[in-house]
Each structure stands twice: as C-alpha cells, then as structure tokens.
Amino acid sequence: MVINLAKNMKFCASREDALAAHKIIKSALVKHDVVCVSFSGISGISSSFVNGALIPLLEIMPFIELQRRVKITNIAPQGAEIIKLCFANVTGQNKAA
C-alpha cells in the first residue's frame, strides 16, 4: 500500500500534520504488512513531524520491524536525514531507518 502524504497535507511540519499522518500510517499497518509512505509533492519536513508521525510507531512494533514494514519514498535527502537523526536519537543507534 502506498500512502501519498501530499493528498492530505502540503507540509509535514506541524503537530496537526504529524497526528494526521500517524493516524493514516497506523491504520494502514493494521491492514497491510508493508506500507510505503511517499513524500512526493511535500515541500518540507520537520523533526517535530517525524517525532509525532513516525516515532510513535515504535510503541506498536520494534525498530527492526518498523524498518521492514514502513518504507519511505520520494523524499529529499534533507528529509531523509531528519528521519534518520530522529530515529537515532530515540533508538540510540548511529544509523537509523
């Protein structure tokens, strides 16, 4: 399943954006083994967004399972780096997602 975040938001910055994305992703994970989260059309991403949308997924599955089940696509290098840093901060790993 592919979740195109641009269908639901223009930016991935606010807490409201994060909560909306988290709800969509979590719901998709109940129905599908692997979920692709596409950032195509998203012009920005913040650490607050990652901390609200993606990090809470660790409450329902371990990091290694999250890496297998949630695929991030169509994201700018800066956005990918923000995601890696946020997960590294939480998991204590130097390399993340």
C-alpha atoms as a PDB file:
ATOM      1  CA  MET A   1       0.000   0.000   0.000  1.00  0.00           C
ATOM      2  CA  VAL A   2       1.231   3.495  -0.867  1.00  0.00           C
ATOM      3  CA  ILE A   3       0.302   6.484   1.268  1.00  0.00           C
ATOM      4  CA  ASN A   4       0.843   9.739  -0.583  1.00  0.00           C
ATOM      5  CA  LEU A   5       1.044  12.336   2.160  1.00  0.00           C
ATOM      6  CA  ALA A   6       0.554  15.185  -0.340  1.00  0.00           C
ATOM      7  CA  LYS A   7      -3.072  14.104  -0.731  1.00  0.00           C
ATOM      8  CA  ASN A   8      -3.635  15.056   2.905  1.00  0.00           C
ATOM      9  CA  MET A   9      -1.182  17.905   3.538  1.00  0.00           C
ATOM     10  CA  LYS A  10       1.188  20.314   1.805  1.00  0.00           C
ATOM     11  CA  PHE A  11       3.819  20.452   4.510  1.00  0.00           C
ATOM     12  CA  CYS A  12       4.988  17.924   7.050  1.00  0.00           C
ATOM     13  CA  ALA A  13       5.796  20.388   9.768  1.00  0.00           C
ATOM     14  CA  SER A  14       3.065  20.912  12.335  1.00  0.00           C
ATOM     15  CA  ARG A  15       1.865  18.695  15.143  1.00  0.00           C
ATOM     16  CA  GLU A  16      -1.517  18.539  13.422  1.00  0.00           C
ATOM     17  CA  ASP A  17       0.148  17.259  10.228  1.00  0.00           C
ATOM     18  CA  ALA A  18       2.046  14.675  12.270  1.00  0.00           C
ATOM     19  CA  LEU A  19      -1.038  13.411  14.087  1.00  0.00           C
ATOM     20  CA  ALA A  20      -2.973  13.119  10.817  1.00  0.00           C
ATOM     21  CA  ALA A  21      -0.125  11.237   9.130  1.00  0.00           C
ATOM     22  CA  HIS A  22       0.376   8.957  12.138  1.00  0.00           C
ATOM     23  CA  LYS A  23      -3.293   8.011  12.135  1.00  0.00           C
ATOM     24  CA  ILE A  24      -3.185   7.194   8.404  1.00  0.00           C
ATOM     25  CA  ILE A  25       0.039   5.171   8.664  1.00  0.00           C
ATOM     26  CA  LYS A  26      -1.025   3.273  11.783  1.00  0.00           C
ATOM     27  CA  SER A  27      -4.360   2.384  10.218  1.00  0.00           C
ATOM     28  CA  ALA A  28      -2.649   1.140   7.047  1.00  0.00           C
ATOM     29  CA  LEU A  29      -0.273  -1.028   9.083  1.00  0.00           C
ATOM     30  CA  VAL A  30      -3.248  -2.829  10.611  1.00  0.00           C
ATOM     31  CA  LYS A  31      -4.432  -3.848   7.141  1.00  0.00           C
ATOM     32  CA  HIS A  32      -1.120  -4.263   5.278  1.00  0.00           C
ATOM     33  CA  ASP A  33       2.206  -5.892   6.063  1.00  0.00           C
ATOM     34  CA  VAL A  34       4.256  -3.249   4.230  1.00  0.00           C
ATOM     35  CA  VAL A  35       3.318   0.397   3.803  1.00  0.00           C
ATOM     36  CA  CYS A  36       5.149   2.846   1.540  1.00  0.00           C
ATOM     37  CA  VAL A  37       4.946   6.436   2.753  1.00  0.00           C
ATOM     38  CA  SER A  38       5.513   8.767  -0.185  1.00  0.00           C
ATOM     39  CA  PHE A  39       6.676  12.319   0.372  1.00  0.00           C
ATOM     40  CA  SER A  40       6.177  13.182  -3.303  1.00  0.00           C
ATOM     41  CA  GLY A  41       4.811  16.716  -3.540  1.00  0.00           C
ATOM     42  CA  ILE A  42       5.753  17.583   0.041  1.00  0.00           C
ATOM     43  CA  SER A  43       7.853  20.713   0.163  1.00  0.00           C
ATOM     44  CA  GLY A  44       9.184  20.375   3.693  1.00  0.00           C
ATOM     45  CA  ILE A  45       9.552  18.087   6.679  1.00  0.00           C
ATOM     46  CA  SER A  46      10.441  18.906  10.285  1.00  0.00           C
ATOM     47  CA  SER A  47      11.772  16.884  13.191  1.00  0.00           C
ATOM     48  CA  SER A  48       8.534  17.705  15.030  1.00  0.00           C
ATOM     49  CA  PHE A  49       6.623  15.982  12.247  1.00  0.00           C
ATOM     50  CA  VAL A  50       8.846  12.894  12.404  1.00  0.00           C
ATOM     51  CA  ASN A  51       8.596  12.788  16.196  1.00  0.00           C
ATOM     52  CA  GLY A  52       4.805  12.937  16.000  1.00  0.00           C
ATOM     53  CA  ALA A  53       4.112  10.795  12.936  1.00  0.00           C
ATOM     54  CA  LEU A  54       6.795   8.105  12.782  1.00  0.00           C
ATOM     55  CA  ILE A  55       8.492   7.763  16.174  1.00  0.00           C
ATOM     56  CA  PRO A  56       5.231   6.750  17.963  1.00  0.00           C
ATOM     57  CA  LEU A  57       5.087   3.695  15.693  1.00  0.00           C
ATOM     58  CA  LEU A  58       7.816   2.288  17.944  1.00  0.00           C
ATOM     59  CA  GLU A  59       5.111   1.898  20.590  1.00  0.00           C
ATOM     60  CA  ILE A  60       3.410  -0.761  18.468  1.00  0.00           C
ATOM     61  CA  MET A  61       6.431  -2.507  16.927  1.00  0.00           C
ATOM     62  CA  PRO A  62      10.182  -2.809  17.432  1.00  0.00           C
ATOM     63  CA  PHE A  63      12.538  -0.699  15.325  1.00  0.00           C
ATOM     64  CA  ILE A  64      13.681  -3.618  13.162  1.00  0.00           C
ATOM     65  CA  GLU A  65      10.080  -4.461  12.270  1.00  0.00           C
ATOM     66  CA  LEU A  66       9.346  -0.795  11.566  1.00  0.00           C
ATOM     67  CA  GLN A  67      12.266  -0.712   9.132  1.00  0.00           C
ATOM     68  CA  ARG A  68      10.856  -3.726   7.318  1.00  0.00           C
ATOM     69  CA  ARG A  69       7.217  -2.629   7.256  1.00  0.00           C
ATOM     70  CA  VAL A  70       7.397   1.138   6.653  1.00  0.00           C
ATOM     71  CA  LYS A  71       9.190   2.250   3.510  1.00  0.00           C
ATOM     72  CA  ILE A  72       9.871   5.948   2.996  1.00  0.00           C
ATOM     73  CA  THR A  73       9.896   7.036  -0.644  1.00  0.00           C
ATOM     74  CA  ASN A  74      10.208  10.173  -2.746  1.00  0.00           C
ATOM     75  CA  ILE A  75      11.837  12.224  -0.025  1.00  0.00           C
ATOM     76  CA  ALA A  76      14.537  14.857  -0.405  1.00  0.00           C
ATOM     77  CA  PRO A  77      17.940  13.987   1.082  1.00  0.00           C
ATOM     78  CA  GLN A  78      17.474  16.581   3.833  1.00  0.00           C
ATOM     79  CA  GLY A  79      14.169  14.993   4.851  1.00  0.00           C
ATOM     80  CA  ALA A  80      15.692  11.525   4.878  1.00  0.00           C
ATOM     81  CA  GLU A  81      18.486  12.819   7.117  1.00  0.00           C
ATOM     82  CA  ILE A  82      15.960  14.327   9.549  1.00  0.00           C
ATOM     83  CA  ILE A  83      14.179  10.972   9.790  1.00  0.00           C
ATOM     84  CA  LYS A  84      17.469   9.143  10.382  1.00  0.00           C
ATOM     85  CA  LEU A  85      18.525  11.575  13.097  1.00  0.00           C
ATOM     86  CA  CYS A  86      15.173  11.395  14.892  1.00  0.00           C
ATOM     87  CA  PHE A  87      15.245   7.597  14.965  1.00  0.00           C
ATOM     88  CA  ALA A  88      18.903   7.577  16.001  1.00  0.00           C
ATOM     89  CA  ASN A  89      18.057   9.831  18.944  1.00  0.00           C
ATOM     90  CA  VAL A  90      15.306   7.502  20.107  1.00  0.00           C
ATOM     91  CA  THR A  91      16.915   4.139  19.433  1.00  0.00           C
ATOM     92  CA  GLY A  92      20.430   5.132  20.436  1.00  0.00           C
ATOM     93  CA  GLN A  93      21.743   3.914  17.095  1.00  0.00           C
ATOM     94  CA  ASN A  94      24.127   5.866  14.906  1.00  0.00           C
ATOM     95  CA  LYS A  95      22.352   4.635  11.797  1.00  0.00           C
ATOM     96  CA  ALA A  96      18.569   4.553  11.530  1.00  0.00           C
ATOM     97  CA  ALA A  97      15.819   3.800   9.030  1.00  0.00           C
END
